[in-house]
PDB file of N, CA and C in Angstrom:
ATOM      1  N   MET A   1      91.920  76.760 101.124  1.00  0.00           N
ATOM      2  CA  MET A   1      92.541  78.187 100.598  1.00  0.00           C
ATOM      3  C   MET A   1      91.205  78.809 100.846  1.00  0.00           C
ATOM      4  N   ALA A   2      92.149  80.068 102.470  1.00  0.00           N
ATOM      5  CA  ALA A   2      91.016  81.217 102.744  1.00  0.00           C
ATOM      6  C   ALA A   2      91.125  82.209 101.243  1.00  0.00           C
ATOM      7  N   CYS A   3      90.823  83.222 101.150  1.00  0.00           N
ATOM      8  CA  CYS A   3      90.653  84.160  99.781  1.00  0.00           C
ATOM      9  C   CYS A   3      91.055  85.468 101.291  1.00  0.00           C
ATOM     10  N   LEU A   4      91.385  87.009 100.557  1.00  0.00           N
ATOM     11  CA  LEU A   4      91.874  88.196 101.117  1.00  0.00           C
ATOM     12  C   LEU A   4      90.701  88.988 100.586  1.00  0.00           C
ATOM     13  N   CYS A   5      90.428  90.427 100.360  1.00  0.00           N
ATOM     14  CA  CYS A   5      89.803  91.352  99.399  1.00  0.00           C
ATOM     15  C   CYS A   5      90.554  91.850 100.063  1.00  0.00           C
ATOM     16  N   LEU A   6      91.626  93.622  99.085  1.00  0.00           N
ATOM     17  CA  LEU A   6      92.062  94.027  99.745  1.00  0.00           C
ATOM     18  C   LEU A   6      91.188  95.665  98.970  1.00  0.00           C
ATOM     19  N   ALA A   7      91.174  95.428  99.681  1.00  0.00           N
ATOM     20  CA  ALA A   7      90.721  97.793  99.264  1.00  0.00           C
ATOM     21  C   ALA A   7      91.163  98.387  99.766  1.00  0.00           C
ATOM     22  N   LEU A   8      91.177  99.660  98.254  1.00  0.00           N
ATOM     23  CA  LEU A   8      91.761 100.881  98.037  1.00  0.00           C
ATOM     24  C   LEU A   8      90.787 101.705  98.773  1.00  0.00           C
ATOM     25  N   LEU A   9      91.223 101.659  99.918  1.00  0.00           N
ATOM     26  CA  LEU A   9      90.475 103.516 100.511  1.00  0.00           C
ATOM     27  C   LEU A   9      90.967 104.607  99.855  1.00  0.00           C
ATOM     28  N   LEU A  10      90.217 105.432  99.807  1.00  0.00           N
ATOM     29  CA  LEU A  10      91.483 106.965  99.392  1.00  0.00           C
ATOM     30  C   LEU A  10      91.340 108.368 100.107  1.00  0.00           C
ATOM     31  N   MET A  11      92.782 108.956 101.078  1.00  0.00           N
ATOM     32  CA  MET A  11      92.391 109.566 101.524  1.00  0.00           C
ATOM     33  C   MET A  11      92.825 110.756 100.867  1.00  0.00           C
ATOM     34  N   GLY A  12      92.051 112.504 101.163  1.00  0.00           N
ATOM     35  CA  GLY A  12      92.573 113.236 100.240  1.00  0.00           C
ATOM     36  C   GLY A  12      91.214 114.459 100.221  1.00  0.00           C
ATOM     37  N   ASN A  13      92.329 115.678  99.786  1.00  0.00           N
ATOM     38  CA  ASN A  13      91.529 116.558 100.048  1.00  0.00           C
ATOM     39  C   ASN A  13      90.536 117.315  98.718  1.00  0.00           C
ATOM     40  N   PHE A  14      89.778 117.088  98.166  1.00  0.00           N
ATOM     41  CA  PHE A  14      88.471 117.520  96.966  1.00  0.00           C
ATOM     42  C   PHE A  14      88.149 119.032  96.881  1.00  0.00           C
ATOM     43  N   MET A  15      88.325 119.610  98.091  1.00  0.00           N
ATOM     44  CA  MET A  15      87.545 121.282  97.731  1.00  0.00           C
ATOM     45  C   MET A  15      88.365 122.046  96.633  1.00  0.00           C
ATOM     46  N   THR A  16      88.762 121.879  95.448  1.00  0.00           N
ATOM     47  CA  THR A  16      89.099 122.623  94.809  1.00  0.00           C
ATOM     48  C   THR A  16      89.900 122.051  93.209  1.00  0.00           C
ATOM     49  N   VAL A  17      89.620 122.124  92.281  1.00  0.00           N
ATOM     50  CA  VAL A  17      90.292 121.532  91.163  1.00  0.00           C
ATOM     51  C   VAL A  17      92.338 121.917  91.541  1.00  0.00           C
ATOM     52  N   SER A  18      92.389 122.946  92.202  1.00  0.00           N
ATOM     53  CA  SER A  18      93.917 122.704  92.103  1.00  0.00           C
ATOM     54  C   SER A  18      94.680 122.183  92.855  1.00  0.00           C
ATOM     55  N   GLN A  19      93.965 121.192  93.544  1.00  0.00           N
ATOM     56  CA  GLN A  19      94.043 120.649  94.725  1.00  0.00           C
ATOM     57  C   GLN A  19      94.108 118.648  93.950  1.00  0.00           C
ATOM     58  N   PRO A  20      95.546 118.585  94.558  1.00  0.00           N
ATOM     59  CA  PRO A  20      95.349 116.266  93.422  1.00  0.00           C
ATOM     60  C   PRO A  20      94.182 115.661  94.073  1.00  0.00           C
ATOM     61  N   ALA A  21      94.128 115.257  92.266  1.00  0.00           N
ATOM     62  CA  ALA A  21      92.459 113.888  92.953  1.00  0.00           C
ATOM     63  C   ALA A  21      93.267 113.094  93.180  1.00  0.00           C
ATOM     64  N   LEU A  22      92.477 111.868  93.937  1.00  0.00           N
ATOM     65  CA  LEU A  22      92.861 111.257  94.018  1.00  0.00           C
ATOM     66  C   LEU A  22      91.495 109.711  93.755  1.00  0.00           C
ATOM     67  N   ALA A  23      92.461 108.367  92.831  1.00  0.00           N
ATOM     68  CA  ALA A  23      91.983 107.762  92.707  1.00  0.00           C
ATOM     69  C   ALA A  23      91.812 106.296  92.811  1.00  0.00           C
ATOM     70  N   GLN A  24      90.607 105.395  93.095  1.00  0.00           N
ATOM     71  CA  GLN A  24      91.261 103.804  92.652  1.00  0.00           C
ATOM     72  C   GLN A  24      91.039 103.341  92.292  1.00  0.00           C
ATOM     73  N   SER A  25      91.856 101.847  92.913  1.00  0.00           N
ATOM     74  CA  SER A  25      91.843 100.824  92.006  1.00  0.00           C
ATOM     75  C   SER A  25      90.554  99.550  92.441  1.00  0.00           C
ATOM     76  N   ASP A  26      89.631  99.352  92.157  1.00  0.00           N
ATOM     77  CA  ASP A  26      89.199  98.095  91.992  1.00  0.00           C
ATOM     78  C   ASP A  26      89.251  97.137  93.393  1.00  0.00           C
ATOM     79  N   ALA A  27      88.666  96.582  94.240  1.00  0.00           N
ATOM     80  CA  ALA A  27      89.008  96.193  95.334  1.00  0.00           C
ATOM     81  C   ALA A  27      89.421  94.509  94.734  1.00  0.00           C
ATOM     82  N   LEU A  28      90.780  93.678  95.272  1.00  0.00           N
ATOM     83  CA  LEU A  28      91.608  92.884  94.759  1.00  0.00           C
ATOM     84  C   LEU A  28      90.764  91.497  95.537  1.00  0.00           C
ATOM     85  N   LEU A  29      90.548  90.415  94.871  1.00  0.00           N
ATOM     86  CA  LEU A  29      90.485  88.630  96.244  1.00  0.00           C
ATOM     87  C   LEU A  29      91.563  88.272  95.266  1.00  0.00           C
ATOM     88  N   VAL A  30      92.553  88.092  96.436  1.00  0.00           N
ATOM     89  CA  VAL A  30      93.596  87.368  95.964  1.00  0.00           C
ATOM     90  C   VAL A  30      94.341  85.980  97.798  1.00  0.00           C
ATOM     91  N   PHE A  31      94.849  84.911  96.626  1.00  0.00           N
ATOM     92  CA  PHE A  31      94.712  84.272  97.632  1.00  0.00           C
ATOM     93  C   PHE A  31      96.334  84.424  98.117  1.00  0.00           C
ATOM     94  N   PRO A  32      96.648  83.919  99.435  1.00  0.00           N
ATOM     95  CA  PRO A  32      97.751  84.060  99.918  1.00  0.00           C
ATOM     96  C   PRO A  32      98.896  83.315  99.125  1.00  0.00           C
ATOM     97  N   GLY A  33      99.781  83.793  99.117  1.00  0.00           N
ATOM     98  CA  GLY A  33     100.635  83.092  97.927  1.00  0.00           C
ATOM     99  C   GLY A  33     101.031  83.625  97.311  1.00  0.00           C
ATOM    100  N   GLN A  34      99.685  85.296  96.727  1.00  0.00           N
ATOM    101  CA  GLN A  34     100.141  85.839  95.202  1.00  0.00           C
ATOM    102  C   GLN A  34     100.431  86.952  95.283  1.00  0.00           C
ATOM    103  N   VAL A  35     100.900  87.639  94.700  1.00  0.00           N
ATOM    104  CA  VAL A  35     101.011  88.676  94.184  1.00  0.00           C
ATOM    105  C   VAL A  35      99.678  90.268  94.594  1.00  0.00           C
ATOM    106  N   ALA A  36      99.733  91.248  95.252  1.00  0.00           N
ATOM    107  CA  ALA A  36      98.694  92.432  94.555  1.00  0.00           C
ATOM    108  C   ALA A  36      99.441  93.038  94.751  1.00  0.00           C
ATOM    109  N   GLN A  37      99.277  94.188  93.491  1.00  0.00           N
ATOM    110  CA  GLN A  37      99.015  95.339  92.932  1.00  0.00           C
ATOM    111  C   GLN A  37      97.780  96.407  93.298  1.00  0.00           C
ATOM    112  N   LEU A  38      97.781  98.009  93.837  1.00  0.00           N
ATOM    113  CA  LEU A  38      97.155  98.410  94.599  1.00  0.00           C
ATOM    114  C   LEU A  38      97.499 100.139  93.867  1.00  0.00           C
ATOM    115  N   SER A  39      96.395 100.413  92.994  1.00  0.00           N
ATOM    116  CA  SER A  39      96.701 101.783  92.526  1.00  0.00           C
ATOM    117  C   SER A  39      96.319 102.975  92.360  1.00  0.00           C
ATOM    118  N   CYS A  40      97.392 103.534  92.922  1.00  0.00           N
ATOM    119  CA  CYS A  40      96.265 104.944  93.943  1.00  0.00           C
ATOM    120  C   CYS A  40      96.919 105.751  92.206  1.00  0.00           C
ATOM    121  N   MET A  41      95.658 106.805  91.666  1.00  0.00           N
ATOM    122  CA  MET A  41      96.293 106.895  90.709  1.00  0.00           C
ATOM    123  C   MET A  41      95.724 109.009  91.052  1.00  0.00           C
ATOM    124  N   LEU A  42      96.872 109.683  89.914  1.00  0.00           N
ATOM    125  CA  LEU A  42      96.558 111.136  91.220  1.00  0.00           C
ATOM    126  C   LEU A  42      95.160 112.203  89.337  1.00  0.00           C
ATOM    127  N   SER A  43      95.156 112.848  89.653  1.00  0.00           N
ATOM    128  CA  SER A  43      94.649 113.720  88.600  1.00  0.00           C
ATOM    129  C   SER A  43      95.613 114.222  87.415  1.00  0.00           C
ATOM    130  N   THR A  44      94.771 114.272  86.495  1.00  0.00           N
ATOM    131  CA  THR A  44      95.669 114.463  85.416  1.00  0.00           C
ATOM    132  C   THR A  44      96.659 116.264  85.943  1.00  0.00           C
ATOM    133  N   GLN A  45      95.813 117.056  86.142  1.00  0.00           N
ATOM    134  CA  GLN A  45      96.352 118.860  86.472  1.00  0.00           C
ATOM    135  C   GLN A  45      97.624 118.149  87.126  1.00  0.00           C
ATOM    136  N   HIS A  46      98.161 117.218  87.789  1.00  0.00           N
ATOM    137  CA  HIS A  46      99.133 116.256  88.185  1.00  0.00           C
ATOM    138  C   HIS A  46      99.869 115.736  88.206  1.00  0.00           C
ATOM    139  N   THR A  47     101.281 115.920  88.127  1.00  0.00           N
ATOM    140  CA  THR A  47     102.378 114.328  87.647  1.00  0.00           C
ATOM    141  C   THR A  47     102.781 114.459  89.184  1.00  0.00           C
ATOM    142  N   ILE A  48     102.420 112.909  88.939  1.00  0.00           N
ATOM    143  CA  ILE A  48     102.636 111.763  90.358  1.00  0.00           C
ATOM    144  C   ILE A  48     104.078 112.101  90.608  1.00  0.00           C
ATOM    145  N   ARG A  49     105.395 111.997  89.981  1.00  0.00           N
ATOM    146  CA  ARG A  49     106.520 112.248  90.020  1.00  0.00           C
ATOM    147  C   ARG A  49     106.782 113.647  90.915  1.00  0.00           C
ATOM    148  N   ASP A  50     105.760 114.650  90.128  1.00  0.00           N
ATOM    149  CA  ASP A  50     105.950 115.408  92.050  1.00  0.00           C
ATOM    150  C   ASP A  50     105.720 115.920  93.064  1.00  0.00           C
ATOM    151  N   HIS A  51     104.675 114.696  93.433  1.00  0.00           N
ATOM    152  CA  HIS A  51     104.131 114.267  94.724  1.00  0.00           C
ATOM    153  C   HIS A  51     105.074 112.506  95.033  1.00  0.00           C
ATOM    154  N   GLY A  52     105.284 112.502  96.794  1.00  0.00           N
ATOM    155  CA  GLY A  52     105.597 111.415  97.701  1.00  0.00           C
ATOM    156  C   GLY A  52     104.489 110.882  97.983  1.00  0.00           C
ATOM    157  N   VAL A  53     103.983 109.724  98.314  1.00  0.00           N
ATOM    158  CA  VAL A  53     102.447 109.198  98.481  1.00  0.00           C
ATOM    159  C   VAL A  53     103.067 108.195  99.267  1.00  0.00           C
ATOM    160  N   SER A  54     102.862 108.398 100.524  1.00  0.00           N
ATOM    161  CA  SER A  54     101.857 107.718 102.082  1.00  0.00           C
ATOM    162  C   SER A  54     101.022 106.334 101.583  1.00  0.00           C
ATOM    163  N   TRP A  55     101.268 105.268 102.846  1.00  0.00           N
ATOM    164  CA  TRP A  55     100.009 103.687 102.083  1.00  0.00           C
ATOM    165  C   TRP A  55     100.407 104.218 104.017  1.00  0.00           C
ATOM    166  N   TYR A  56      98.665 103.456 103.808  1.00  0.00           N
ATOM    167  CA  TYR A  56      98.220 102.413 104.862  1.00  0.00           C
ATOM    168  C   TYR A  56      97.883 101.700 104.887  1.00  0.00           C
ATOM    169  N   GLN A  57      97.886 101.419 105.906  1.00  0.00           N
ATOM    170  CA  GLN A  57      96.720  99.693 105.948  1.00  0.00           C
ATOM    171  C   GLN A  57      96.155  99.387 107.827  1.00  0.00           C
ATOM    172  N   GLN A  58      94.698  99.640 106.832  1.00  0.00           N
ATOM    173  CA  GLN A  58      94.200  99.392 108.042  1.00  0.00           C
ATOM    174  C   GLN A  58      92.697  98.265 107.852  1.00  0.00           C
ATOM    175  N   ARG A  59      93.032  97.263 109.472  1.00  0.00           N
ATOM    176  CA  ARG A  59      92.288  95.863 109.277  1.00  0.00           C
ATOM    177  C   ARG A  59      91.193  95.983 110.669  1.00  0.00           C
ATOM    178  N   PRO A  60      89.816  95.451 110.889  1.00  0.00           N
ATOM    179  CA  PRO A  60      89.174  95.644 110.488  1.00  0.00           C
ATOM    180  C   PRO A  60      88.724  96.007 112.187  1.00  0.00           C
ATOM    181  N   GLY A  61      88.488  97.044 112.766  1.00  0.00           N
ATOM    182  CA  GLY A  61      88.674  97.267 114.072  1.00  0.00           C
ATOM    183  C   GLY A  61      90.175  98.246 114.625  1.00  0.00           C
ATOM    184  N   SER A  62      90.798  97.500 114.133  1.00  0.00           N
ATOM    185  CA  SER A  62      91.316  98.492 113.795  1.00  0.00           C
ATOM    186  C   SER A  62      92.486 100.066 113.398  1.00  0.00           C
ATOM    187  N   ALA A  63      93.236 100.747 114.168  1.00  0.00           N
ATOM    188  CA  ALA A  63      93.413 101.981 113.530  1.00  0.00           C
ATOM    189  C   ALA A  63      94.795 102.206 112.416  1.00  0.00           C
ATOM    190  N   PRO A  64      94.439 103.040 111.603  1.00  0.00           N
ATOM    191  CA  PRO A  64      95.113 103.053 110.444  1.00  0.00           C
ATOM    192  C   PRO A  64      96.605 102.613 110.960  1.00  0.00           C
ATOM    193  N   ARG A  65      97.355 101.693 110.570  1.00  0.00           N
ATOM    194  CA  ARG A  65      98.328 101.576 110.190  1.00  0.00           C
ATOM    195  C   ARG A  65     100.315 102.262 109.482  1.00  0.00           C
ATOM    196  N   TYR A  66     100.662 103.004 109.578  1.00  0.00           N
ATOM    197  CA  TYR A  66     101.235 103.420 108.112  1.00  0.00           C
ATOM    198  C   TYR A  66     102.833 102.578 107.793  1.00  0.00           C
ATOM    199  N   LEU A  67     102.248 102.104 106.815  1.00  0.00           N
ATOM    200  CA  LEU A  67     103.200 101.658 105.648  1.00  0.00           C
ATOM    201  C   LEU A  67     104.818 102.267 105.262  1.00  0.00           C
ATOM    202  N   LEU A  68     104.484 102.744 104.295  1.00  0.00           N
ATOM    203  CA  LEU A  68     105.633 102.930 103.500  1.00  0.00           C
ATOM    204  C   LEU A  68     105.066 104.656 103.096  1.00  0.00           C
ATOM    205  N   TYR A  69     106.328 105.283 102.544  1.00  0.00           N
ATOM    206  CA  TYR A  69     106.352 106.653 101.832  1.00  0.00           C
ATOM    207  C   TYR A  69     107.734 106.248 100.466  1.00  0.00           C
ATOM    208  N   TYR A  70     106.489 106.729  99.653  1.00  0.00           N
ATOM    209  CA  TYR A  70     107.114 106.301  98.200  1.00  0.00           C
ATOM    210  C   TYR A  70     107.246 108.066  96.773  1.00  0.00           C
ATOM    211  N   HIS A  71     108.357 108.309  97.095  1.00  0.00           N
ATOM    212  CA  HIS A  71     108.186 109.281  96.054  1.00  0.00           C
ATOM    213  C   HIS A  71     109.338 109.465  94.846  1.00  0.00           C
ATOM    214  N   SER A  72     110.858 108.269  94.716  1.00  0.00           N
ATOM    215  CA  SER A  72     111.794 107.642  94.666  1.00  0.00           C
ATOM    216  C   SER A  72     112.124 106.827  95.086  1.00  0.00           C
ATOM    217  N   ASP A  73     112.869 105.841  94.204  1.00  0.00           N
ATOM    218  CA  ASP A  73     114.284 105.340  94.650  1.00  0.00           C
ATOM    219  C   ASP A  73     114.392 106.018  95.997  1.00  0.00           C
ATOM    220  N   GLU A  74     115.735 107.276  95.627  1.00  0.00           N
ATOM    221  CA  GLU A  74     115.836 108.114  96.805  1.00  0.00           C
ATOM    222  C   GLU A  74     115.062 108.308  98.104  1.00  0.00           C
ATOM    223  N   GLU A  75     113.938 108.785  97.122  1.00  0.00           N
ATOM    224  CA  GLU A  75     112.823 109.162  98.308  1.00  0.00           C
ATOM    225  C   GLU A  75     112.532 107.651  98.604  1.00  0.00           C
ATOM    226  N   TYR A  76     112.305 106.960  99.960  1.00  0.00           N
ATOM    227  CA  TYR A  76     112.086 105.942 100.427  1.00  0.00           C
ATOM    228  C   TYR A  76     112.209 105.665 101.698  1.00  0.00           C
ATOM    229  N   HIS A  77     110.615 105.203 102.191  1.00  0.00           N
ATOM    230  CA  HIS A  77     110.953 105.466 104.085  1.00  0.00           C
ATOM    231  C   HIS A  77     109.736 103.487 103.887  1.00  0.00           C
ATOM    232  N   ARG A  78     110.266 103.180 104.509  1.00  0.00           N
ATOM    233  CA  ARG A  78     109.677 101.880 105.293  1.00  0.00           C
ATOM    234  C   ARG A  78     110.058 101.504 106.601  1.00  0.00           C
ATOM    235  N   PRO A  79     109.364 101.670 107.163  1.00  0.00           N
ATOM    236  CA  PRO A  79     109.446 101.162 108.728  1.00  0.00           C
ATOM    237  C   PRO A  79     110.149  99.781 109.281  1.00  0.00           C
ATOM    238  N   ASP A  80     110.857  99.808 110.209  1.00  0.00           N
ATOM    239  CA  ASP A  80     111.156  98.386 109.630  1.00  0.00           C
ATOM    240  C   ASP A  80     110.418  97.214 110.202  1.00  0.00           C
ATOM    241  N   GLU A  81     109.379  97.977 111.485  1.00  0.00           N
ATOM    242  CA  GLU A  81     108.564  96.725 111.401  1.00  0.00           C
ATOM    243  C   GLU A  81     107.846  96.782 110.768  1.00  0.00           C
ATOM    244  N   ILE A  82     107.511  96.895 108.980  1.00  0.00           N
ATOM    245  CA  ILE A  82     106.525  96.773 107.922  1.00  0.00           C
ATOM    246  C   ILE A  82     107.123  95.854 107.313  1.00  0.00           C
ATOM    247  N   PRO A  83     106.997  94.259 107.041  1.00  0.00           N
ATOM    248  CA  PRO A  83     107.686  93.053 106.450  1.00  0.00           C
ATOM    249  C   PRO A  83     108.002  93.681 104.592  1.00  0.00           C
ATOM    250  N   ASP A  84     109.285  93.087 104.518  1.00  0.00           N
ATOM    251  CA  ASP A  84     109.823  94.036 102.676  1.00  0.00           C
ATOM    252  C   ASP A  84     108.351  93.432 101.844  1.00  0.00           C
ATOM    253  N   ARG A  85     108.079  92.524 102.410  1.00  0.00           N
ATOM    254  CA  ARG A  85     106.808  92.158 101.174  1.00  0.00           C
ATOM    255  C   ARG A  85     106.294  92.777 100.674  1.00  0.00           C
ATOM    256  N   PHE A  86     105.214  94.140 101.758  1.00  0.00           N
ATOM    257  CA  PHE A  86     105.336  96.231 100.232  1.00  0.00           C
ATOM    258  C   PHE A  86     106.514  96.530 100.038  1.00  0.00           C
ATOM    259  N   SER A  87     106.165  96.319  99.149  1.00  0.00           N
ATOM    260  CA  SER A  87     106.980  97.658  98.367  1.00  0.00           C
ATOM    261  C   SER A  87     105.611  98.636  97.395  1.00  0.00           C
ATOM    262  N   ALA A  88     106.595  99.924  97.269  1.00  0.00           N
ATOM    263  CA  ALA A  88     106.060 100.533  96.444  1.00  0.00           C
ATOM    264  C   ALA A  88     106.499 101.302  94.746  1.00  0.00           C
ATOM    265  N   ALA A  89     105.424 101.809  94.170  1.00  0.00           N
ATOM    266  CA  ALA A  89     106.910 102.652  92.556  1.00  0.00           C
ATOM    267  C   ALA A  89     106.043 103.011  92.152  1.00  0.00           C
ATOM    268  N   MET A  90     106.077 103.426  90.902  1.00  0.00           N
ATOM    269  CA  MET A  90     105.832 105.092  90.314  1.00  0.00           C
ATOM    270  C   MET A  90     105.463 104.568  88.861  1.00  0.00           C
ATOM    271  N   ASP A  91     104.042 104.906  88.276  1.00  0.00           N
ATOM    272  CA  ASP A  91     103.758 104.100  87.114  1.00  0.00           C
ATOM    273  C   ASP A  91     103.240 104.701  86.562  1.00  0.00           C
ATOM    274  N   VAL A  92     104.259 105.589  85.360  1.00  0.00           N
ATOM    275  CA  VAL A  92     104.587 107.080  85.096  1.00  0.00           C
ATOM    276  C   VAL A  92     103.297 107.482  84.194  1.00  0.00           C
ATOM    277  N   ALA A  93     103.306 105.991  83.239  1.00  0.00           N
ATOM    278  CA  ALA A  93     103.183 106.029  82.522  1.00  0.00           C
ATOM    279  C   ALA A  93     101.406 106.597  82.570  1.00  0.00           C
ATOM    280  N   HIS A  94     100.180 105.165  83.501  1.00  0.00           N
ATOM    281  CA  HIS A  94      99.220 106.107  84.044  1.00  0.00           C
ATOM    282  C   HIS A  94      99.253 107.117  85.144  1.00  0.00           C
ATOM    283  N   ASN A  95      99.857 107.819  85.468  1.00  0.00           N
ATOM    284  CA  ASN A  95     100.210 108.948  86.890  1.00  0.00           C
ATOM    285  C   ASN A  95      99.571 108.546  87.743  1.00  0.00           C
ATOM    286  N   ALA A  96     100.887 106.964  88.723  1.00  0.00           N
ATOM    287  CA  ALA A  96     100.064 106.427  89.460  1.00  0.00           C
ATOM    288  C   ALA A  96     101.098 106.166  90.470  1.00  0.00           C
ATOM    289  N   CYS A  97     100.802 105.287  91.576  1.00  0.00           N
ATOM    290  CA  CYS A  97     102.024 105.481  92.585  1.00  0.00           C
ATOM    291  C   CYS A  97     101.400 103.539  92.786  1.00  0.00           C
ATOM    292  N   ILE A  98     101.806 102.172  92.502  1.00  0.00           N
ATOM    293  CA  ILE A  98     101.875 100.717  92.733  1.00  0.00           C
ATOM    294  C   ILE A  98     101.885 100.685  94.260  1.00  0.00           C
ATOM    295  N   LEU A  99     101.441  99.966  95.321  1.00  0.00           N
ATOM    296  CA  LEU A  99     101.490  99.215  96.162  1.00  0.00           C
ATOM    297  C   LEU A  99     101.632  98.088  95.716  1.00  0.00           C
ATOM    298  N   THR A 100     102.508  97.576  96.212  1.00  0.00           N
ATOM    299  CA  THR A 100     102.798  95.748  95.549  1.00  0.00           C
ATOM    300  C   THR A 100     102.251  95.478  97.718  1.00  0.00           C
ATOM    301  N   ILE A 101     102.151  94.149  97.568  1.00  0.00           N
ATOM    302  CA  ILE A 101     102.186  92.752  98.347  1.00  0.00           C
ATOM    303  C   ILE A 101     102.422  92.154  98.070  1.00  0.00           C
ATOM    304  N   SER A 102     103.870  91.385  98.136  1.00  0.00           N
ATOM    305  CA  SER A 102     104.323  89.868  97.185  1.00  0.00           C
ATOM    306  C   SER A 102     105.424  89.196  98.740  1.00  0.00           C
ATOM    307  N   PRO A 103     104.911  88.221  98.608  1.00  0.00           N
ATOM    308  CA  PRO A 103     103.817  87.525  98.301  1.00  0.00           C
ATOM    309  C   PRO A 103     102.102  87.881  99.510  1.00  0.00           C
ATOM    310  N   VAL A 104     101.386  87.832  99.026  1.00  0.00           N
ATOM    311  CA  VAL A 104     100.103  88.346  99.874  1.00  0.00           C
ATOM    312  C   VAL A 104     100.177  86.339 101.036  1.00  0.00           C
ATOM    313  N   GLN A 105      99.864  87.187 102.707  1.00  0.00           N
ATOM    314  CA  GLN A 105      99.702  86.683 103.549  1.00  0.00           C
ATOM    315  C   GLN A 105      98.774  86.525 103.998  1.00  0.00           C
ATOM    316  N   PRO A 106      97.474  86.319 105.261  1.00  0.00           N
ATOM    317  CA  PRO A 106      96.787  86.698 105.411  1.00  0.00           C
ATOM    318  C   PRO A 106      95.951  87.725 106.603  1.00  0.00           C
ATOM    319  N   GLU A 107      97.522  87.067 107.273  1.00  0.00           N
ATOM    320  CA  GLU A 107      96.912  88.959 107.556  1.00  0.00           C
ATOM    321  C   GLU A 107      97.217  90.641 107.010  1.00  0.00           C
ATOM    322  N   ASP A 108      97.090  90.313 105.190  1.00  0.00           N
ATOM    323  CA  ASP A 108      97.147  91.083 104.907  1.00  0.00           C
ATOM    324  C   ASP A 108      95.471  91.893 104.387  1.00  0.00           C
ATOM    325  N   ASP A 109      94.387  90.384 104.365  1.00  0.00           N
ATOM    326  CA  ASP A 109      93.621  91.624 105.462  1.00  0.00           C
ATOM    327  C   ASP A 109      93.089  92.656 105.756  1.00  0.00           C
ATOM    328  N   ALA A 110      92.735  93.567 103.905  1.00  0.00           N
ATOM    329  CA  ALA A 110      92.114  94.325 105.190  1.00  0.00           C
ATOM    330  C   ALA A 110      92.020  96.371 103.765  1.00  0.00           C
ATOM    331  N   ASP A 111      91.775  96.677 104.564  1.00  0.00           N
ATOM    332  CA  ASP A 111      91.906  98.636 103.893  1.00  0.00           C
ATOM    333  C   ASP A 111      93.161  99.637 103.030  1.00  0.00           C
ATOM    334  N   TYR A 112      93.490  99.537 102.591  1.00  0.00           N
ATOM    335  CA  TYR A 112      94.182  99.907 101.669  1.00  0.00           C
ATOM    336  C   TYR A 112      93.974 101.535 102.028  1.00  0.00           C
ATOM    337  N   TYR A 113      95.146 102.408 102.207  1.00  0.00           N
ATOM    338  CA  TYR A 113      94.638 104.103 101.803  1.00  0.00           C
ATOM    339  C   TYR A 113      95.654 104.684 101.216  1.00  0.00           C
ATOM    340  N   CYS A 114      96.025 105.255 100.391  1.00  0.00           N
ATOM    341  CA  CYS A 114      97.237 106.191  99.802  1.00  0.00           C
ATOM    342  C   CYS A 114      96.718 107.530 100.314  1.00  0.00           C
ATOM    343  N   ALA A 115      98.477 108.236 100.289  1.00  0.00           N
ATOM    344  CA  ALA A 115      98.018 109.522 100.123  1.00  0.00           C
ATOM    345  C   ALA A 115      98.818 110.611  99.831  1.00  0.00           C
ATOM    346  N   VAL A 116      98.703 111.525  99.336  1.00  0.00           N
ATOM    347  CA  VAL A 116      99.829 112.370  99.181  1.00  0.00           C
ATOM    348  C   VAL A 116      99.334 114.115  99.572  1.00  0.00           C
ATOM    349  N   GLY A 117     101.044 114.565  99.748  1.00  0.00           N
ATOM    350  CA  GLY A 117     100.780 116.199 100.259  1.00  0.00           C
ATOM    351  C   GLY A 117     100.671 116.746  98.886  1.00  0.00           C
ATOM    352  N   PHE A 118     100.740 117.959  99.760  1.00  0.00           N
ATOM    353  CA  PHE A 118     100.137 119.092  98.976  1.00  0.00           C
ATOM    354  C   PHE A 118     100.383 120.684  99.235  1.00  0.00           C
ATOM    355  N   SER A 119     100.616 121.523  98.673  1.00  0.00           N
ATOM    356  CA  SER A 119     101.116 122.737  99.374  1.00  0.00           C
ATOM    357  C   SER A 119     100.917 124.040  98.298  1.00  0.00           C
ATOM    358  N   SER A 120     100.220 124.686  98.489  1.00  0.00           N
ATOM    359  CA  SER A 120      99.625 125.609  97.167  1.00  0.00           C
ATOM    360  C   SER A 120     100.293 126.623  97.257  1.00  0.00           C
ATOM    361  N   GLY A 121     101.598 127.131  98.449  1.00  0.00           N
ATOM    362  CA  GLY A 121     102.507 128.578  98.691  1.00  0.00           C
ATOM    363  C   GLY A 121     102.091 128.199 100.134  1.00  0.00           C
ATOM    364  N   PRO A 122     102.886 130.164 100.616  1.00  0.00           N
ATOM    365  CA  PRO A 122     103.461 129.836 102.224  1.00  0.00           C
ATOM    366  C   PRO A 122     101.440 130.847 101.873  1.00  0.00           C
TER     367      PRO A 122
END
């Protein structure tokens, strides 16, 4: 059985302390049919509840593909072409957003990115 290596890479702006910084979970080694959970943790001076998180998938040799946006159960968007195997939820205790892929399929072998929006005012 082939195994997949899912990596989480992060996009974000790390120029000043007041802006959110993101931390990644380690790469995962999973097999088709298993559940993969990737974590996108926000710096402690910010609260994950205050930020929506976008997730992207990048397969080798391809451009990043938008998977979904999650801020709450009411503020959630996943394009129709993205399978419902991809979902997200907030982990408030760890100040993180978790991307879940269940069940993992061979075509999920890719790098995964998360991003948060941030505005410091007008």
